């Protein structure tokens, strides 16, 4: 693959079109991953709330009930799923930012080519 500075105008336009296509795909993935993160958060919070209530009804002291609930196998698994969803969501945001920067570089090269630089 040629460096950007060695690409022709047509190749630069093709590269820009490819990045725009990738950004559009990333936008759709962003929506999906955002929903998955929200669902994972919802599942974790409801399971944790149920466990907290269960423990309190059993007479467990308030001072330790939160830590015990977080250590419950189901609650911990849901926290893990939520944390993985957060990583996927934030890594996609970073990928989108990288694509935007690549697009800006290509557009600068296209402008330079138009000016004859």
N, C-alpha and C. Protein backbone atom coordinates (compact mmCIF):
# COMPACT_ATOMS: atom_id res chain seq x y z
N UNK A 1 0.84 -1.18 0.00
CA UNK A 1 0.00 0.00 0.00
C UNK A 1 0.89 1.24 0.00
N UNK A 2 0.59 2.15 -0.89
CA UNK A 2 1.38 3.38 -1.01
C UNK A 2 1.10 4.33 0.15
N UNK A 3 2.14 5.08 0.56
CA UNK A 3 1.88 6.14 1.54
C UNK A 3 0.96 7.18 0.91
N UNK A 4 0.24 7.91 1.73
CA UNK A 4 -0.71 8.91 1.22
C UNK A 4 -0.05 9.92 0.29
N UNK A 5 1.16 10.32 0.60
CA UNK A 5 1.82 11.36 -0.20
C UNK A 5 2.14 10.87 -1.61
N UNK A 6 2.13 9.56 -1.84
CA UNK A 6 2.43 9.02 -3.16
C UNK A 6 1.18 8.62 -3.93
N UNK A 7 0.02 8.80 -3.36
CA UNK A 7 -1.22 8.40 -4.02
C UNK A 7 -1.68 9.48 -4.99
N UNK A 8 -2.33 9.03 -6.05
CA UNK A 8 -2.90 9.96 -7.01
C UNK A 8 -4.21 10.50 -6.48
N UNK A 9 -4.75 11.50 -7.17
CA UNK A 9 -6.03 12.08 -6.76
C UNK A 9 -7.15 11.06 -6.70
N UNK A 10 -7.21 10.18 -7.69
CA UNK A 10 -8.25 9.14 -7.72
C UNK A 10 -8.06 8.18 -6.55
N UNK A 11 -6.82 7.80 -6.28
CA UNK A 11 -6.56 6.89 -5.16
C UNK A 11 -6.93 7.54 -3.83
N UNK A 12 -6.67 8.83 -3.71
CA UNK A 12 -7.04 9.55 -2.48
C UNK A 12 -8.56 9.59 -2.33
N UNK A 13 -9.26 9.84 -3.43
CA UNK A 13 -10.73 9.85 -3.37
C UNK A 13 -11.28 8.48 -3.01
N UNK A 14 -10.66 7.44 -3.55
CA UNK A 14 -11.07 6.07 -3.20
C UNK A 14 -10.81 5.79 -1.72
N UNK A 15 -9.66 6.24 -1.23
CA UNK A 15 -9.32 6.04 0.19
C UNK A 15 -10.32 6.78 1.07
N UNK A 16 -10.68 8.01 0.66
CA UNK A 16 -11.67 8.77 1.43
C UNK A 16 -13.01 8.05 1.43
N UNK A 17 -13.44 7.55 0.27
CA UNK A 17 -14.71 6.83 0.18
C UNK A 17 -14.71 5.59 1.07
N UNK A 18 -13.58 4.89 1.14
CA UNK A 18 -13.48 3.70 1.99
C UNK A 18 -13.59 4.07 3.47
N UNK A 19 -12.96 5.14 3.86
CA UNK A 19 -13.03 5.55 5.27
C UNK A 19 -14.44 6.01 5.62
N UNK A 20 -15.08 6.72 4.72
CA UNK A 20 -16.47 7.14 4.95
C UNK A 20 -17.36 5.91 5.10
N UNK A 21 -17.12 4.88 4.26
CA UNK A 21 -17.89 3.63 4.37
C UNK A 21 -17.66 2.97 5.74
N UNK A 22 -16.40 2.94 6.16
CA UNK A 22 -16.07 2.35 7.47
C UNK A 22 -16.71 3.15 8.60
N UNK A 23 -16.73 4.47 8.48
CA UNK A 23 -17.37 5.30 9.51
C UNK A 23 -18.87 5.04 9.58
N UNK A 24 -19.50 4.85 8.43
CA UNK A 24 -20.93 4.55 8.43
C UNK A 24 -21.21 3.20 9.08
N UNK A 25 -20.37 2.21 8.82
CA UNK A 25 -20.51 0.91 9.47
C UNK A 25 -20.28 1.04 10.98
N UNK A 26 -19.28 1.82 11.35
CA UNK A 26 -18.97 2.01 12.77
C UNK A 26 -20.12 2.70 13.49
N UNK A 27 -20.80 3.61 12.79
CA UNK A 27 -21.94 4.29 13.39
C UNK A 27 -23.04 3.28 13.75
N UNK A 28 -23.29 2.34 12.85
CA UNK A 28 -24.29 1.31 13.13
C UNK A 28 -23.86 0.40 14.28
N UNK A 29 -22.57 0.02 14.28
CA UNK A 29 -22.04 -0.79 15.38
C UNK A 29 -22.11 -0.03 16.70
N UNK A 30 -21.88 1.28 16.64
CA UNK A 30 -21.91 2.11 17.84
C UNK A 30 -23.30 2.05 18.48
N UNK A 31 -24.33 2.11 17.67
CA UNK A 31 -25.69 2.01 18.17
C UNK A 31 -25.91 0.64 18.81
N UNK A 32 -25.50 -0.41 18.12
CA UNK A 32 -25.65 -1.78 18.65
C UNK A 32 -24.92 -1.95 19.97
N UNK A 33 -23.68 -1.50 20.00
CA UNK A 33 -22.87 -1.68 21.22
C UNK A 33 -23.39 -0.81 22.35
N UNK A 34 -23.91 0.36 22.02
CA UNK A 34 -24.51 1.21 23.06
C UNK A 34 -25.71 0.53 23.69
N UNK A 35 -26.55 -0.08 22.87
CA UNK A 35 -27.71 -0.81 23.38
C UNK A 35 -27.28 -2.02 24.20
N UNK A 36 -26.26 -2.73 23.72
CA UNK A 36 -25.76 -3.89 24.46
C UNK A 36 -25.20 -3.47 25.81
N UNK A 37 -24.52 -2.35 25.86
CA UNK A 37 -23.99 -1.83 27.13
C UNK A 37 -25.13 -1.47 28.07
N UNK A 38 -26.14 -0.81 27.55
CA UNK A 38 -27.28 -0.42 28.38
C UNK A 38 -28.01 -1.66 28.92
N UNK A 39 -28.18 -2.67 28.08
CA UNK A 39 -28.83 -3.91 28.52
C UNK A 39 -27.99 -4.61 29.60
N UNK A 40 -26.68 -4.66 29.39
CA UNK A 40 -25.80 -5.30 30.37
C UNK A 40 -25.84 -4.55 31.70
N UNK A 41 -25.86 -3.22 31.64
CA UNK A 41 -25.94 -2.42 32.87
C UNK A 41 -27.26 -2.68 33.59
N UNK A 42 -28.33 -2.72 32.82
CA UNK A 42 -29.66 -2.98 33.39
C UNK A 42 -29.70 -4.35 34.08
N UNK A 43 -29.20 -5.38 33.41
CA UNK A 43 -29.20 -6.73 33.98
C UNK A 43 -28.39 -6.78 35.26
N UNK A 44 -27.22 -6.15 35.25
CA UNK A 44 -26.36 -6.13 36.43
C UNK A 44 -27.04 -5.42 37.60
N UNK A 45 -27.59 -4.25 37.33
CA UNK A 45 -28.20 -3.47 38.42
C UNK A 45 -29.42 -4.17 39.02
N UNK A 46 -30.24 -4.78 38.17
CA UNK A 46 -31.43 -5.45 38.71
C UNK A 46 -31.05 -6.69 39.51
N UNK A 47 -30.06 -7.45 39.02
CA UNK A 47 -29.61 -8.63 39.77
C UNK A 47 -28.98 -8.22 41.10
N UNK A 48 -28.21 -7.15 41.06
CA UNK A 48 -27.57 -6.67 42.29
C UNK A 48 -28.63 -6.19 43.29
N UNK A 49 -29.63 -5.47 42.80
CA UNK A 49 -30.70 -4.99 43.68
C UNK A 49 -31.46 -6.15 44.30
N UNK A 50 -31.75 -7.18 43.49
CA UNK A 50 -32.45 -8.37 44.03
C UNK A 50 -31.61 -9.03 45.12
N UNK A 51 -30.31 -9.16 44.85
CA UNK A 51 -29.42 -9.82 45.82
C UNK A 51 -29.31 -8.99 47.10
N UNK A 52 -29.21 -7.66 46.95
CA UNK A 52 -29.15 -6.79 48.13
C UNK A 52 -30.41 -6.95 48.99
N UNK A 53 -31.55 -6.97 48.35
CA UNK A 53 -32.81 -7.13 49.08
C UNK A 53 -32.87 -8.48 49.76
N UNK A 54 -32.47 -9.52 49.04
CA UNK A 54 -32.47 -10.87 49.61
C UNK A 54 -31.58 -10.94 50.86
N UNK A 55 -30.40 -10.37 50.76
CA UNK A 55 -29.46 -10.40 51.89
C UNK A 55 -29.99 -9.60 53.08
N UNK A 56 -30.58 -8.44 52.80
CA UNK A 56 -31.14 -7.62 53.88
C UNK A 56 -32.30 -8.33 54.57
N UNK A 57 -33.12 -9.00 53.76
CA UNK A 57 -34.24 -9.74 54.34
C UNK A 57 -33.77 -10.91 55.21
N UNK A 58 -32.57 -11.41 54.93
CA UNK A 58 -31.98 -12.47 55.74
C UNK A 58 -31.30 -11.91 56.98
N UNK A 59 -31.29 -10.57 57.11
CA UNK A 59 -30.73 -9.95 58.30
C UNK A 59 -29.25 -9.59 58.22
N UNK A 60 -28.67 -9.63 57.03
CA UNK A 60 -27.26 -9.30 56.90
C UNK A 60 -27.06 -7.81 57.19
N UNK A 61 -26.00 -7.44 57.90
CA UNK A 61 -25.74 -6.04 58.22
C UNK A 61 -25.54 -5.18 56.97
N UNK A 62 -26.07 -3.98 57.02
CA UNK A 62 -25.98 -3.04 55.89
C UNK A 62 -24.53 -2.75 55.53
N UNK A 63 -23.65 -2.75 56.51
CA UNK A 63 -22.26 -2.38 56.27
C UNK A 63 -21.53 -3.33 55.32
N UNK A 64 -21.98 -4.58 55.21
CA UNK A 64 -21.28 -5.53 54.35
C UNK A 64 -22.13 -6.07 53.21
N UNK A 65 -23.40 -5.71 53.19
CA UNK A 65 -24.31 -6.31 52.22
C UNK A 65 -23.92 -6.00 50.77
N UNK A 66 -23.41 -4.81 50.49
CA UNK A 66 -23.04 -4.46 49.11
C UNK A 66 -21.87 -5.31 48.62
N UNK A 67 -20.86 -5.47 49.47
CA UNK A 67 -19.71 -6.29 49.08
C UNK A 67 -20.10 -7.74 48.88
N UNK A 68 -20.95 -8.25 49.73
CA UNK A 68 -21.40 -9.64 49.61
C UNK A 68 -22.21 -9.82 48.32
N UNK A 69 -23.08 -8.86 48.04
CA UNK A 69 -23.90 -8.95 46.82
C UNK A 69 -23.03 -8.94 45.57
N UNK A 70 -22.02 -8.08 45.55
CA UNK A 70 -21.12 -8.02 44.38
C UNK A 70 -20.35 -9.31 44.19
N UNK A 71 -20.12 -10.04 45.27
CA UNK A 71 -19.40 -11.30 45.19
C UNK A 71 -20.26 -12.48 44.82
N UNK A 72 -21.57 -12.29 44.75
CA UNK A 72 -22.46 -13.36 44.33
C UNK A 72 -22.10 -13.76 42.89
N UNK A 73 -22.13 -15.07 42.63
CA UNK A 73 -21.69 -15.56 41.31
C UNK A 73 -22.49 -14.94 40.16
N UNK A 74 -23.80 -14.90 40.27
CA UNK A 74 -24.62 -14.33 39.19
C UNK A 74 -24.34 -12.83 39.02
N UNK A 75 -24.29 -12.11 40.12
CA UNK A 75 -24.06 -10.67 40.07
C UNK A 75 -22.66 -10.39 39.50
N UNK A 76 -21.68 -11.15 39.93
CA UNK A 76 -20.31 -10.95 39.43
C UNK A 76 -20.23 -11.25 37.93
N UNK A 77 -20.92 -12.28 37.49
CA UNK A 77 -20.92 -12.60 36.06
C UNK A 77 -21.55 -11.47 35.24
N UNK A 78 -22.64 -10.91 35.75
CA UNK A 78 -23.29 -9.80 35.06
C UNK A 78 -22.42 -8.55 35.06
N UNK A 79 -21.68 -8.34 36.13
CA UNK A 79 -20.74 -7.21 36.17
C UNK A 79 -19.63 -7.42 35.13
N UNK A 80 -19.19 -8.66 34.99
CA UNK A 80 -18.16 -8.98 33.99
C UNK A 80 -18.69 -8.72 32.58
N UNK A 81 -19.91 -9.15 32.30
CA UNK A 81 -20.52 -8.92 30.99
C UNK A 81 -20.64 -7.43 30.73
N UNK A 82 -21.06 -6.68 31.76
CA UNK A 82 -21.18 -5.23 31.63
C UNK A 82 -19.83 -4.58 31.34
N UNK A 83 -18.81 -5.00 32.07
CA UNK A 83 -17.48 -4.43 31.88
C UNK A 83 -16.93 -4.75 30.48
N UNK A 84 -17.20 -5.95 29.99
CA UNK A 84 -16.77 -6.30 28.62
C UNK A 84 -17.51 -5.44 27.60
N UNK A 85 -18.79 -5.19 27.83
CA UNK A 85 -19.57 -4.34 26.93
C UNK A 85 -19.01 -2.92 26.93
N UNK A 86 -18.57 -2.44 28.10
CA UNK A 86 -17.96 -1.10 28.18
C UNK A 86 -16.69 -1.03 27.35
N UNK A 87 -15.87 -2.08 27.44
CA UNK A 87 -14.61 -2.12 26.69
C UNK A 87 -14.91 -2.11 25.19
N UNK A 88 -15.87 -2.92 24.77
CA UNK A 88 -16.22 -2.95 23.35
C UNK A 88 -16.74 -1.60 22.88
N UNK A 89 -17.53 -0.95 23.71
CA UNK A 89 -18.11 0.34 23.36
C UNK A 89 -17.02 1.41 23.25
N UNK A 90 -16.15 1.48 24.24
CA UNK A 90 -15.12 2.51 24.22
C UNK A 90 -14.06 2.24 23.15
N UNK A 91 -13.76 0.97 22.88
CA UNK A 91 -12.79 0.68 21.82
C UNK A 91 -13.36 1.05 20.46
N UNK A 92 -14.65 0.89 20.27
CA UNK A 92 -15.27 1.32 19.02
C UNK A 92 -15.22 2.84 18.90
N UNK A 93 -15.45 3.55 19.98
CA UNK A 93 -15.34 5.01 19.94
C UNK A 93 -13.93 5.44 19.54
N UNK A 94 -12.94 4.74 20.07
CA UNK A 94 -11.55 5.06 19.72
C UNK A 94 -11.29 4.77 18.24
N UNK A 95 -11.82 3.66 17.75
CA UNK A 95 -11.66 3.33 16.33
C UNK A 95 -12.31 4.40 15.45
N UNK A 96 -13.47 4.89 15.88
CA UNK A 96 -14.14 5.96 15.13
C UNK A 96 -13.28 7.21 15.11
N UNK A 97 -12.68 7.55 16.24
CA UNK A 97 -11.81 8.73 16.30
C UNK A 97 -10.60 8.58 15.38
N UNK A 98 -10.04 7.38 15.33
CA UNK A 98 -8.90 7.13 14.45
C UNK A 98 -9.32 7.29 12.99
N UNK A 99 -10.48 6.74 12.64
CA UNK A 99 -10.98 6.89 11.27
C UNK A 99 -11.20 8.36 10.92
N UNK A 100 -11.72 9.13 11.86
CA UNK A 100 -11.92 10.56 11.61
C UNK A 100 -10.60 11.26 11.35
N UNK A 101 -9.57 10.91 12.10
CA UNK A 101 -8.26 11.51 11.90
C UNK A 101 -7.68 11.11 10.54
N UNK A 102 -7.84 9.83 10.18
CA UNK A 102 -7.37 9.38 8.87
C UNK A 102 -8.10 10.13 7.76
N UNK A 103 -9.38 10.33 7.94
CA UNK A 103 -10.18 11.06 6.95
C UNK A 103 -9.68 12.49 6.82
N UNK A 104 -9.37 13.13 7.94
CA UNK A 104 -8.87 14.50 7.90
C UNK A 104 -7.53 14.57 7.16
N UNK A 105 -6.66 13.59 7.38
CA UNK A 105 -5.37 13.57 6.68
C UNK A 105 -5.58 13.40 5.19
N UNK A 106 -6.45 12.50 4.81
CA UNK A 106 -6.72 12.28 3.38
C UNK A 106 -7.33 13.53 2.75
N UNK A 107 -8.24 14.16 3.45
CA UNK A 107 -8.84 15.38 2.90
C UNK A 107 -7.81 16.50 2.74
N UNK A 108 -6.86 16.57 3.65
CA UNK A 108 -5.77 17.54 3.52
C UNK A 108 -4.94 17.22 2.28
N UNK A 109 -4.65 15.94 2.07
CA UNK A 109 -3.89 15.53 0.88
C UNK A 109 -4.67 15.85 -0.40
N UNK A 110 -5.97 15.63 -0.37
CA UNK A 110 -6.80 15.95 -1.54
C UNK A 110 -6.76 17.45 -1.81
N UNK A 111 -6.89 18.25 -0.76
CA UNK A 111 -6.80 19.71 -0.92
C UNK A 111 -5.45 20.13 -1.48
N UNK A 112 -4.39 19.52 -0.96
CA UNK A 112 -3.04 19.84 -1.45
C UNK A 112 -2.90 19.48 -2.94
N UNK A 113 -3.46 18.35 -3.31
CA UNK A 113 -3.39 17.93 -4.71
C UNK A 113 -4.17 18.91 -5.60
N UNK A 114 -5.30 19.36 -5.14
CA UNK A 114 -6.11 20.32 -5.90
C UNK A 114 -5.36 21.64 -6.10
N UNK A 115 -4.60 22.02 -5.08
CA UNK A 115 -3.83 23.26 -5.15
C UNK A 115 -2.52 23.08 -5.93
N UNK A 116 -2.20 21.82 -6.25
CA UNK A 116 -0.96 21.55 -6.98
C UNK A 116 0.25 21.50 -6.10
N UNK A 117 0.10 21.20 -4.84
CA UNK A 117 1.23 21.17 -3.90
C UNK A 117 1.87 19.81 -3.87
